[in-house]
């Protein structure tokens, strides 16, 4: 009877903790190597954005030497709607030096929002910045960083270095201070 308990305990222990940590590390290393780092995103205005991710940096090929704010949002999200006027104001204030790229995560299970619904959302909210509504948005969001709440925004300086993460609705003045810091005296 004692032998059976020891065998069950050994099997349970192996199943629970695994046999060899090297196997786990090899699998993890393989997953890291396979992580997608280059994205070709198409805006609702058919503008193509080529982005290359390298850890906390992103090369924005079409927006070189500009401060970029990646805004992960959903059309059904009230705080996301509330921040649109702030983002429009900042785009206008820092024209030519600052870009917002909105990434729609509002589809169910990674699906995109239907074009007519998104077009109406853009028109109703008078959005003045590009929106990405693509099936690769979820993969892109995972490559950029952890997003558990929307809206979530990442601010990148003129060299593509991530300098700030905003979670939830953020006052316009707070974003403006961070944008000024990211511009590093270029105004």
C-alpha atoms as a PDB file:
ATOM      1  CA  UNK A   1       0.000   0.000   0.000  1.00  0.00           C
ATOM      2  CA  UNK A   2       2.837   2.398   0.907  1.00  0.00           C
ATOM      3  CA  UNK A   3       4.501   1.670  -2.481  1.00  0.00           C
ATOM      4  CA  UNK A   4       1.323   2.664  -4.381  1.00  0.00           C
ATOM      5  CA  UNK A   5       1.148   5.987  -2.509  1.00  0.00           C
ATOM      6  CA  UNK A   6       4.784   6.710  -3.394  1.00  0.00           C
ATOM      7  CA  UNK A   7       4.190   5.886  -7.070  1.00  0.00           C
ATOM      8  CA  UNK A   8       1.073   8.101  -7.187  1.00  0.00           C
ATOM      9  CA  UNK A   9       2.964  10.901  -5.442  1.00  0.00           C
ATOM     10  CA  UNK A  10       5.867  10.598  -7.911  1.00  0.00           C
ATOM     11  CA  UNK A  11       3.527  10.682 -10.926  1.00  0.00           C
ATOM     12  CA  UNK A  12       1.607  13.636  -9.462  1.00  0.00           C
ATOM     13  CA  UNK A  13       4.875  15.488  -8.755  1.00  0.00           C
ATOM     14  CA  UNK A  14       6.168  14.908 -12.304  1.00  0.00           C
ATOM     15  CA  UNK A  15       2.889  16.023 -13.866  1.00  0.00           C
ATOM     16  CA  UNK A  16       2.656  19.080 -11.649  1.00  0.00           C
ATOM     17  CA  UNK A  17       6.257  20.306 -11.859  1.00  0.00           C
ATOM     18  CA  UNK A  18       7.503  18.706 -15.051  1.00  0.00           C
ATOM     19  CA  UNK A  19      10.528  16.570 -15.649  1.00  0.00           C
ATOM     20  CA  UNK A  20      13.174  18.952 -16.830  1.00  0.00           C
ATOM     21  CA  UNK A  21      13.332  22.741 -16.728  1.00  0.00           C
ATOM     22  CA  UNK A  22      15.580  22.684 -19.825  1.00  0.00           C
ATOM     23  CA  UNK A  23      12.627  21.529 -21.922  1.00  0.00           C
ATOM     24  CA  UNK A  24      10.539  24.442 -20.679  1.00  0.00           C
ATOM     25  CA  UNK A  25      13.361  26.910 -21.386  1.00  0.00           C
ATOM     26  CA  UNK A  26      13.846  25.556 -24.914  1.00  0.00           C
ATOM     27  CA  UNK A  27      10.138  25.944 -25.663  1.00  0.00           C
ATOM     28  CA  UNK A  28      10.126  29.465 -24.204  1.00  0.00           C
ATOM     29  CA  UNK A  29      13.226  30.446 -26.235  1.00  0.00           C
ATOM     30  CA  UNK A  30      11.586  29.128 -29.397  1.00  0.00           C
ATOM     31  CA  UNK A  31       8.435  31.155 -28.729  1.00  0.00           C
ATOM     32  CA  UNK A  32      10.483  34.318 -28.154  1.00  0.00           C
ATOM     33  CA  UNK A  33      12.367  33.781 -31.412  1.00  0.00           C
ATOM     34  CA  UNK A  34       9.089  33.312 -33.314  1.00  0.00           C
ATOM     35  CA  UNK A  35       7.543  36.531 -31.977  1.00  0.00           C
ATOM     36  CA  UNK A  36       6.565  38.722 -34.898  1.00  0.00           C
ATOM     37  CA  UNK A  37       8.510  41.978 -34.970  1.00  0.00           C
ATOM     38  CA  UNK A  38       7.563  43.559 -38.297  1.00  0.00           C
ATOM     39  CA  UNK A  39       4.092  44.759 -39.120  1.00  0.00           C
ATOM     40  CA  UNK A  40       2.494  46.309 -42.171  1.00  0.00           C
ATOM     41  CA  UNK A  41      -0.622  48.084 -40.992  1.00  0.00           C
ATOM     42  CA  UNK A  42      -3.212  49.707 -43.230  1.00  0.00           C
ATOM     43  CA  UNK A  43      -5.272  52.622 -41.941  1.00  0.00           C
ATOM     44  CA  UNK A  44      -8.940  53.208 -42.680  1.00  0.00           C
ATOM     45  CA  UNK A  45      -7.722  55.852 -45.185  1.00  0.00           C
ATOM     46  CA  UNK A  46      -5.609  53.164 -46.944  1.00  0.00           C
ATOM     47  CA  UNK A  47      -2.318  54.626 -45.690  1.00  0.00           C
ATOM     48  CA  UNK A  48       0.339  51.926 -45.200  1.00  0.00           C
ATOM     49  CA  UNK A  49       2.383  52.016 -42.001  1.00  0.00           C
ATOM     50  CA  UNK A  50       5.488  49.842 -41.729  1.00  0.00           C
ATOM     51  CA  UNK A  51       6.554  49.223 -38.148  1.00  0.00           C
ATOM     52  CA  UNK A  52       9.465  47.256 -36.761  1.00  0.00           C
ATOM     53  CA  UNK A  53       9.496  46.354 -33.058  1.00  0.00           C
ATOM     54  CA  UNK A  54      12.735  45.884 -31.147  1.00  0.00           C
ATOM     55  CA  UNK A  55      12.049  45.356 -27.422  1.00  0.00           C
ATOM     56  CA  UNK A  56      10.650  48.711 -26.155  1.00  0.00           C
ATOM     57  CA  UNK A  57      11.483  50.558 -29.371  1.00  0.00           C
ATOM     58  CA  UNK A  58       9.506  50.825 -32.589  1.00  0.00           C
ATOM     59  CA  UNK A  59      10.798  52.045 -35.899  1.00  0.00           C
ATOM     60  CA  UNK A  60       7.973  54.067 -37.467  1.00  0.00           C
ATOM     61  CA  UNK A  61       9.217  54.163 -41.059  1.00  0.00           C
ATOM     62  CA  UNK A  62       6.549  56.617 -42.241  1.00  0.00           C
ATOM     63  CA  UNK A  63       6.807  58.814 -39.123  1.00  0.00           C
ATOM     64  CA  UNK A  64      10.554  59.293 -38.723  1.00  0.00           C
ATOM     65  CA  UNK A  65      11.551  61.974 -36.184  1.00  0.00           C
ATOM     66  CA  UNK A  66       7.998  62.310 -34.904  1.00  0.00           C
ATOM     67  CA  UNK A  67       6.587  61.596 -31.465  1.00  0.00           C
ATOM     68  CA  UNK A  68       4.037  58.786 -31.855  1.00  0.00           C
ATOM     69  CA  UNK A  69       1.201  57.762 -29.578  1.00  0.00           C
ATOM     70  CA  UNK A  70      -0.225  54.273 -30.105  1.00  0.00           C
ATOM     71  CA  UNK A  71      -3.803  54.337 -28.848  1.00  0.00           C
ATOM     72  CA  UNK A  72      -5.389  50.915 -28.275  1.00  0.00           C
ATOM     73  CA  UNK A  73      -9.157  51.426 -28.135  1.00  0.00           C
ATOM     74  CA  UNK A  74     -12.598  50.031 -28.955  1.00  0.00           C
ATOM     75  CA  UNK A  75     -15.592  51.770 -30.510  1.00  0.00           C
ATOM     76  CA  UNK A  76     -17.885  50.539 -27.717  1.00  0.00           C
ATOM     77  CA  UNK A  77     -15.631  51.841 -24.895  1.00  0.00           C
ATOM     78  CA  UNK A  78     -16.925  55.058 -23.192  1.00  0.00           C
ATOM     79  CA  UNK A  79     -13.476  56.210 -21.904  1.00  0.00           C
ATOM     80  CA  UNK A  80     -12.070  55.626 -25.410  1.00  0.00           C
ATOM     81  CA  UNK A  81     -14.730  57.930 -26.834  1.00  0.00           C
ATOM     82  CA  UNK A  82     -14.118  60.525 -24.119  1.00  0.00           C
ATOM     83  CA  UNK A  83     -10.413  60.847 -24.982  1.00  0.00           C
ATOM     84  CA  UNK A  84     -10.977  61.522 -28.715  1.00  0.00           C
ATOM     85  CA  UNK A  85     -11.279  65.321 -28.329  1.00  0.00           C
ATOM     86  CA  UNK A  86      -8.029  65.346 -26.293  1.00  0.00           C
ATOM     87  CA  UNK A  87      -6.211  63.393 -28.977  1.00  0.00           C
ATOM     88  CA  UNK A  88      -7.624  65.615 -31.747  1.00  0.00           C
ATOM     89  CA  UNK A  89      -6.454  68.715 -29.840  1.00  0.00           C
ATOM     90  CA  UNK A  90      -2.949  67.300 -29.362  1.00  0.00           C
ATOM     91  CA  UNK A  91      -2.670  66.349 -33.048  1.00  0.00           C
ATOM     92  CA  UNK A  92      -3.634  69.925 -33.967  1.00  0.00           C
ATOM     93  CA  UNK A  93      -1.360  71.544 -31.367  1.00  0.00           C
ATOM     94  CA  UNK A  94       1.734  69.530 -32.343  1.00  0.00           C
ATOM     95  CA  UNK A  95       0.992  69.373 -36.073  1.00  0.00           C
ATOM     96  CA  UNK A  96       3.903  67.935 -38.044  1.00  0.00           C
ATOM     97  CA  UNK A  97       5.738  66.719 -34.920  1.00  0.00           C
ATOM     98  CA  UNK A  98       3.239  64.360 -33.276  1.00  0.00           C
ATOM     99  CA  UNK A  99       1.156  61.472 -34.622  1.00  0.00           C
ATOM    100  CA  UNK A 100      -1.559  59.339 -33.102  1.00  0.00           C
ATOM    101  CA  UNK A 101      -2.138  55.862 -34.449  1.00  0.00           C
ATOM    102  CA  UNK A 102      -5.338  54.300 -33.102  1.00  0.00           C
ATOM    103  CA  UNK A 103      -5.429  50.500 -33.014  1.00  0.00           C
ATOM    104  CA  UNK A 104      -8.969  49.106 -32.845  1.00  0.00           C
ATOM    105  CA  UNK A 105      -9.253  46.145 -30.462  1.00  0.00           C
ATOM    106  CA  UNK A 106     -13.035  46.290 -30.412  1.00  0.00           C
ATOM    107  CA  UNK A 107     -13.835  43.252 -32.509  1.00  0.00           C
ATOM    108  CA  UNK A 108     -14.955  39.984 -30.949  1.00  0.00           C
ATOM    109  CA  UNK A 109     -12.171  37.369 -30.681  1.00  0.00           C
ATOM    110  CA  UNK A 110      -9.750  39.457 -32.709  1.00  0.00           C
ATOM    111  CA  UNK A 111     -12.197  40.154 -35.539  1.00  0.00           C
ATOM    112  CA  UNK A 112     -12.322  43.605 -37.073  1.00  0.00           C
ATOM    113  CA  UNK A 113     -15.156  46.072 -36.612  1.00  0.00           C
ATOM    114  CA  UNK A 114     -17.357  46.205 -39.736  1.00  0.00           C
ATOM    115  CA  UNK A 115     -16.241  49.041 -42.036  1.00  0.00           C
ATOM    116  CA  UNK A 116     -19.588  50.852 -42.042  1.00  0.00           C
ATOM    117  CA  UNK A 117     -19.704  50.910 -38.224  1.00  0.00           C
ATOM    118  CA  UNK A 118     -16.129  52.160 -37.972  1.00  0.00           C
ATOM    119  CA  UNK A 119     -16.671  54.803 -40.688  1.00  0.00           C
ATOM    120  CA  UNK A 120     -19.710  56.103 -38.806  1.00  0.00           C
ATOM    121  CA  UNK A 121     -17.708  56.118 -35.544  1.00  0.00           C
ATOM    122  CA  UNK A 122     -14.929  58.173 -37.201  1.00  0.00           C
ATOM    123  CA  UNK A 123     -17.437  60.624 -38.699  1.00  0.00           C
ATOM    124  CA  UNK A 124     -19.551  60.999 -35.531  1.00  0.00           C
ATOM    125  CA  UNK A 125     -16.484  61.597 -33.353  1.00  0.00           C
ATOM    126  CA  UNK A 126     -14.681  63.787 -35.916  1.00  0.00           C
ATOM    127  CA  UNK A 127     -11.472  61.741 -35.546  1.00  0.00           C
ATOM    128  CA  UNK A 128      -8.416  63.495 -37.032  1.00  0.00           C
ATOM    129  CA  UNK A 129      -5.874  60.652 -36.840  1.00  0.00           C
ATOM    130  CA  UNK A 130      -5.444  57.271 -38.570  1.00  0.00           C
ATOM    131  CA  UNK A 131      -7.177  54.156 -37.298  1.00  0.00           C
ATOM    132  CA  UNK A 132      -6.007  50.600 -37.892  1.00  0.00           C
ATOM    133  CA  UNK A 133      -8.820  48.041 -38.144  1.00  0.00           C
ATOM    134  CA  UNK A 134      -7.050  44.842 -39.099  1.00  0.00           C
ATOM    135  CA  UNK A 135      -7.104  41.203 -38.027  1.00  0.00           C
ATOM    136  CA  UNK A 136      -3.415  41.579 -37.059  1.00  0.00           C
ATOM    137  CA  UNK A 137      -4.259  44.211 -34.390  1.00  0.00           C
ATOM    138  CA  UNK A 138      -4.319  41.667 -31.569  1.00  0.00           C
ATOM    139  CA  UNK A 139      -0.927  40.229 -32.589  1.00  0.00           C
ATOM    140  CA  UNK A 140       0.444  43.756 -32.874  1.00  0.00           C
ATOM    141  CA  UNK A 141      -0.881  44.677 -29.420  1.00  0.00           C
ATOM    142  CA  UNK A 142       0.823  41.621 -27.910  1.00  0.00           C
ATOM    143  CA  UNK A 143       4.105  42.496 -29.616  1.00  0.00           C
ATOM    144  CA  UNK A 144       3.986  46.078 -28.310  1.00  0.00           C
ATOM    145  CA  UNK A 145       3.216  45.301 -24.682  1.00  0.00           C
ATOM    146  CA  UNK A 146       0.695  44.000 -22.225  1.00  0.00           C
ATOM    147  CA  UNK A 147      -2.753  45.474 -22.732  1.00  0.00           C
ATOM    148  CA  UNK A 148      -5.278  44.428 -20.122  1.00  0.00           C
ATOM    149  CA  UNK A 149      -7.456  47.532 -20.156  1.00  0.00           C
ATOM    150  CA  UNK A 150      -8.638  49.835 -22.898  1.00  0.00           C
ATOM    151  CA  UNK A 151      -7.862  52.528 -23.555  1.00  0.00           C
ATOM    152  CA  UNK A 152      -4.148  51.870 -23.242  1.00  0.00           C
ATOM    153  CA  UNK A 153      -1.645  54.139 -24.960  1.00  0.00           C
ATOM    154  CA  UNK A 154       2.096  53.987 -25.502  1.00  0.00           C
ATOM    155  CA  UNK A 155       4.089  57.144 -26.214  1.00  0.00           C
ATOM    156  CA  UNK A 156       7.293  56.930 -28.274  1.00  0.00           C
ATOM    157  CA  UNK A 157       9.876  59.674 -28.649  1.00  0.00           C
ATOM    158  CA  UNK A 158      11.353  60.891 -31.954  1.00  0.00           C
ATOM    159  CA  UNK A 159      13.799  57.961 -31.966  1.00  0.00           C
ATOM    160  CA  UNK A 160      11.058  55.349 -31.462  1.00  0.00           C
ATOM    161  CA  UNK A 161      11.862  54.671 -27.801  1.00  0.00           C
ATOM    162  CA  UNK A 162       8.880  53.880 -25.569  1.00  0.00           C
ATOM    163  CA  UNK A 163       8.810  56.550 -22.885  1.00  0.00           C
ATOM    164  CA  UNK A 164       5.343  56.313 -21.369  1.00  0.00           C
ATOM    165  CA  UNK A 165       2.410  53.964 -20.946  1.00  0.00           C
ATOM    166  CA  UNK A 166      -1.037  55.389 -20.178  1.00  0.00           C
ATOM    167  CA  UNK A 167      -3.813  53.131 -18.897  1.00  0.00           C
ATOM    168  CA  UNK A 168      -7.377  54.398 -18.861  1.00  0.00           C
ATOM    169  CA  UNK A 169      -8.440  57.920 -19.697  1.00  0.00           C
ATOM    170  CA  UNK A 170      -5.656  60.459 -19.214  1.00  0.00           C
ATOM    171  CA  UNK A 171      -6.057  64.244 -18.951  1.00  0.00           C
ATOM    172  CA  UNK A 172      -4.941  66.150 -22.031  1.00  0.00           C
ATOM    173  CA  UNK A 173      -2.539  68.311 -19.997  1.00  0.00           C
ATOM    174  CA  UNK A 174      -0.727  65.252 -18.689  1.00  0.00           C
ATOM    175  CA  UNK A 175      -0.247  63.846 -22.195  1.00  0.00           C
ATOM    176  CA  UNK A 176       0.888  67.266 -23.413  1.00  0.00           C
ATOM    177  CA  UNK A 177       3.674  67.405 -20.808  1.00  0.00           C
ATOM    178  CA  UNK A 178       4.904  63.964 -21.870  1.00  0.00           C
ATOM    179  CA  UNK A 179       4.755  64.912 -25.560  1.00  0.00           C
ATOM    180  CA  UNK A 180       6.810  68.051 -24.846  1.00  0.00           C
ATOM    181  CA  UNK A 181       9.372  65.916 -23.007  1.00  0.00           C
ATOM    182  CA  UNK A 182       9.440  63.460 -25.914  1.00  0.00           C
ATOM    183  CA  UNK A 183      10.044  66.298 -28.375  1.00  0.00           C
ATOM    184  CA  UNK A 184      13.067  67.281 -26.272  1.00  0.00           C
ATOM    185  CA  UNK A 185      13.097  70.974 -27.127  1.00  0.00           C
ATOM    186  CA  UNK A 186      12.139  70.672 -30.810  1.00  0.00           C
ATOM    187  CA  UNK A 187       9.306  73.198 -30.490  1.00  0.00           C
END
